[in-house]
C-alpha atoms as a PDB file:
ATOM      1  CA  MET A   1      -0.024   0.022  -0.053  1.00  0.00           C
ATOM      2  CA  PRO A   2       1.205   3.532  -0.845  1.00  0.00           C
ATOM      3  CA  HIS A   3       2.119   5.718   2.108  1.00  0.00           C
ATOM      4  CA  SER A   4       2.870   9.041   0.707  1.00  0.00           C
ATOM      5  CA  ALA A   5       0.365  11.344  -0.853  1.00  0.00           C
ATOM      6  CA  SER A   6       2.073  11.294  -4.289  1.00  0.00           C
ATOM      7  CA  ALA A   7       2.187   7.511  -4.272  1.00  0.00           C
ATOM      8  CA  LYS A   8      -1.534   7.343  -3.537  1.00  0.00           C
ATOM      9  CA  LYS A   9      -2.183   9.845  -6.381  1.00  0.00           C
ATOM     10  CA  ARG A  10      -0.203   7.660  -8.719  1.00  0.00           C
ATOM     11  CA  VAL A  11      -2.301   4.649  -7.899  1.00  0.00           C
ATOM     12  CA  ARG A  12      -5.464   6.607  -8.567  1.00  0.00           C
ATOM     13  CA  GLN A  13      -4.061   7.922 -11.901  1.00  0.00           C
ATOM     14  CA  ASN A  14      -2.887   4.362 -13.049  1.00  0.00           C
ATOM     15  CA  GLU A  15      -6.299   2.924 -12.294  1.00  0.00           C
ATOM     16  CA  LYS A  16      -7.972   5.626 -14.298  1.00  0.00           C
ATOM     17  CA  ARG A  17      -5.649   5.097 -17.211  1.00  0.00           C
ATOM     18  CA  ARG A  18      -6.083   1.275 -17.039  1.00  0.00           C
ATOM     19  CA  ILE A  19      -9.741   1.600 -17.261  1.00  0.00           C
ATOM     20  CA  TYR A  20      -9.538   3.955 -20.228  1.00  0.00           C
ATOM     21  CA  ASN A  21      -7.016   1.883 -22.143  1.00  0.00           C
ATOM     22  CA  LYS A  22      -9.024  -1.288 -21.552  1.00  0.00           C
ATOM     23  CA  SER A  23     -12.213   0.426 -22.901  1.00  0.00           C
ATOM     24  CA  LEU A  24     -10.372   1.619 -25.953  1.00  0.00           C
ATOM     25  CA  LYS A  25      -8.909  -1.756 -26.731  1.00  0.00           C
ATOM     26  CA  SER A  26     -12.311  -3.427 -26.193  1.00  0.00           C
ATOM     27  CA  GLU A  27     -13.917  -0.898 -28.594  1.00  0.00           C
ATOM     28  CA  ILE A  28     -11.317  -1.642 -31.300  1.00  0.00           C
ATOM     29  CA  LYS A  29     -12.020  -5.333 -30.946  1.00  0.00           C
ATOM     30  CA  THR A  30     -15.737  -4.936 -31.024  1.00  0.00           C
ATOM     31  CA  ARG A  31     -15.652  -2.620 -34.089  1.00  0.00           C
ATOM     32  CA  SER A  32     -13.258  -4.992 -35.854  1.00  0.00           C
ATOM     33  CA  LYS A  33     -15.728  -7.832 -35.300  1.00  0.00           C
ATOM     34  CA  THR A  34     -18.593  -5.608 -36.730  1.00  0.00           C
ATOM     35  CA  LEU A  35     -16.438  -4.906 -39.747  1.00  0.00           C
ATOM     36  CA  ALA A  36     -15.902  -8.596 -40.256  1.00  0.00           C
ATOM     37  CA  GLU A  37     -19.630  -9.183 -40.110  1.00  0.00           C
ATOM     38  CA  ALA A  38     -20.301  -6.406 -42.635  1.00  0.00           C
ATOM     39  CA  VAL A  39     -17.683  -8.007 -44.961  1.00  0.00           C
ATOM     40  CA  GLU A  40     -19.449 -11.458 -44.508  1.00  0.00           C
ATOM     41  CA  ALA A  41     -22.772  -9.816 -45.399  1.00  0.00           C
ATOM     42  CA  LYS A  42     -21.028  -8.194 -48.396  1.00  0.00           C
ATOM     43  CA  ASP A  43     -22.227  -4.711 -47.384  1.00  0.00           C
ATOM     44  CA  VAL A  44     -19.465  -2.664 -49.091  1.00  0.00           C
ATOM     45  CA  GLU A  45     -20.623   0.813 -48.088  1.00  0.00           C
ATOM     46  CA  LYS A  46     -21.038  -0.134 -44.404  1.00  0.00           C
ATOM     47  CA  SER A  47     -17.712  -1.885 -44.490  1.00  0.00           C
ATOM     48  CA  LYS A  48     -15.859   1.083 -45.817  1.00  0.00           C
ATOM     49  CA  ALA A  49     -17.490   3.435 -43.154  1.00  0.00           C
ATOM     50  CA  LEU A  50     -16.547   0.994 -40.421  1.00  0.00           C
ATOM     51  CA  PHE A  51     -13.073   0.649 -41.729  1.00  0.00           C
ATOM     52  CA  ARG A  52     -12.450   4.371 -41.475  1.00  0.00           C
ATOM     53  CA  VAL A  53     -13.826   4.466 -37.818  1.00  0.00           C
ATOM     54  CA  VAL A  54     -11.700   1.394 -36.705  1.00  0.00           C
ATOM     55  CA  VAL A  55      -8.447   2.718 -38.343  1.00  0.00           C
ATOM     56  CA  SER A  56      -9.048   6.033 -36.631  1.00  0.00           C
ATOM     57  CA  LYS A  57      -9.449   4.352 -33.277  1.00  0.00           C
ATOM     58  CA  ILE A  58      -6.363   2.199 -33.796  1.00  0.00           C
ATOM     59  CA  ASP A  59      -4.290   5.250 -34.808  1.00  0.00           C
ATOM     60  CA  LYS A  60      -5.452   7.070 -31.712  1.00  0.00           C
ATOM     61  CA  ALA A  61      -4.458   4.124 -29.475  1.00  0.00           C
ATOM     62  CA  ARG A  62      -1.104   4.035 -31.217  1.00  0.00           C
ATOM     63  CA  LYS A  63      -0.472   7.681 -30.690  1.00  0.00           C
ATOM     64  CA  ASN A  64      -1.199   7.423 -27.021  1.00  0.00           C
ATOM     65  CA  ASN A  65       1.028   4.343 -26.705  1.00  0.00           C
ATOM     66  CA  ILE A  66      -1.962   2.056 -25.769  1.00  0.00           C
ATOM     67  CA  LEU A  67      -1.002  -0.164 -28.656  1.00  0.00           C
ATOM     68  CA  HIS A  68       2.483  -0.977 -29.909  1.00  0.00           C
ATOM     69  CA  ARG A  69       3.166   0.572 -33.322  1.00  0.00           C
ATOM     70  CA  ASN A  70       3.744  -2.819 -34.944  1.00  0.00           C
ATOM     71  CA  LYS A  71       0.522  -4.246 -33.492  1.00  0.00           C
ATOM     72  CA  ALA A  72      -1.401  -1.162 -34.762  1.00  0.00           C
ATOM     73  CA  ALA A  73       0.085  -1.634 -38.181  1.00  0.00           C
ATOM     74  CA  ARG A  74      -0.672  -5.343 -38.181  1.00  0.00           C
ATOM     75  CA  LEU A  75      -4.297  -4.710 -37.230  1.00  0.00           C
ATOM     76  CA  GLU A  76      -4.757  -2.045 -39.840  1.00  0.00           C
ATOM     77  CA  SER A  77      -3.169  -4.379 -42.502  1.00  0.00           C
ATOM     78  CA  LYS A  78      -5.487  -7.224 -41.480  1.00  0.00           C
ATOM     79  CA  LEU A  79      -8.572  -4.998 -41.683  1.00  0.00           C
ATOM     80  CA  ALA A  80      -7.501  -3.620 -45.073  1.00  0.00           C
ATOM     81  CA  ARG A  81      -7.190  -7.159 -46.422  1.00  0.00           C
ATOM     82  CA  LEU A  82     -10.652  -7.875 -45.115  1.00  0.00           C
ATOM     83  CA  LEU A  83     -12.114  -4.783 -46.770  1.00  0.00           C
ATOM     84  CA  ASN A  84     -10.394  -5.656 -50.075  1.00  0.00           C
ATOM     85  CA  GLN A  85     -12.208  -9.080 -49.856  1.00  0.00           C
ATOM     86  CA  ALA A  86     -15.549  -7.293 -49.627  1.00  0.00           C
ATOM     87  CA  SER A  87     -14.728  -4.980 -52.503  1.00  0.00           C
ATOM     88  CA  SER A  88     -13.786  -7.764 -54.909  1.00  0.00           C
END
């Protein structure tokens, strides 16, 4: 347990950040699954719109060091391939 005031504050800050990071990662996963479902249904317009949203979320997570840059690139590449399947 933290004893000093600053250590207690750090614990509070870390918990807030953990919850935010977890929610953002979860949202990325959920929207990726929704995109995959739209591709399965061959809904090209919806897929393109979802792709823009998901990539934006991934970039934001990458910028704030929530996702590693290579993982972000890998996810974006995977989603782009999925979108190309829907288009063709």
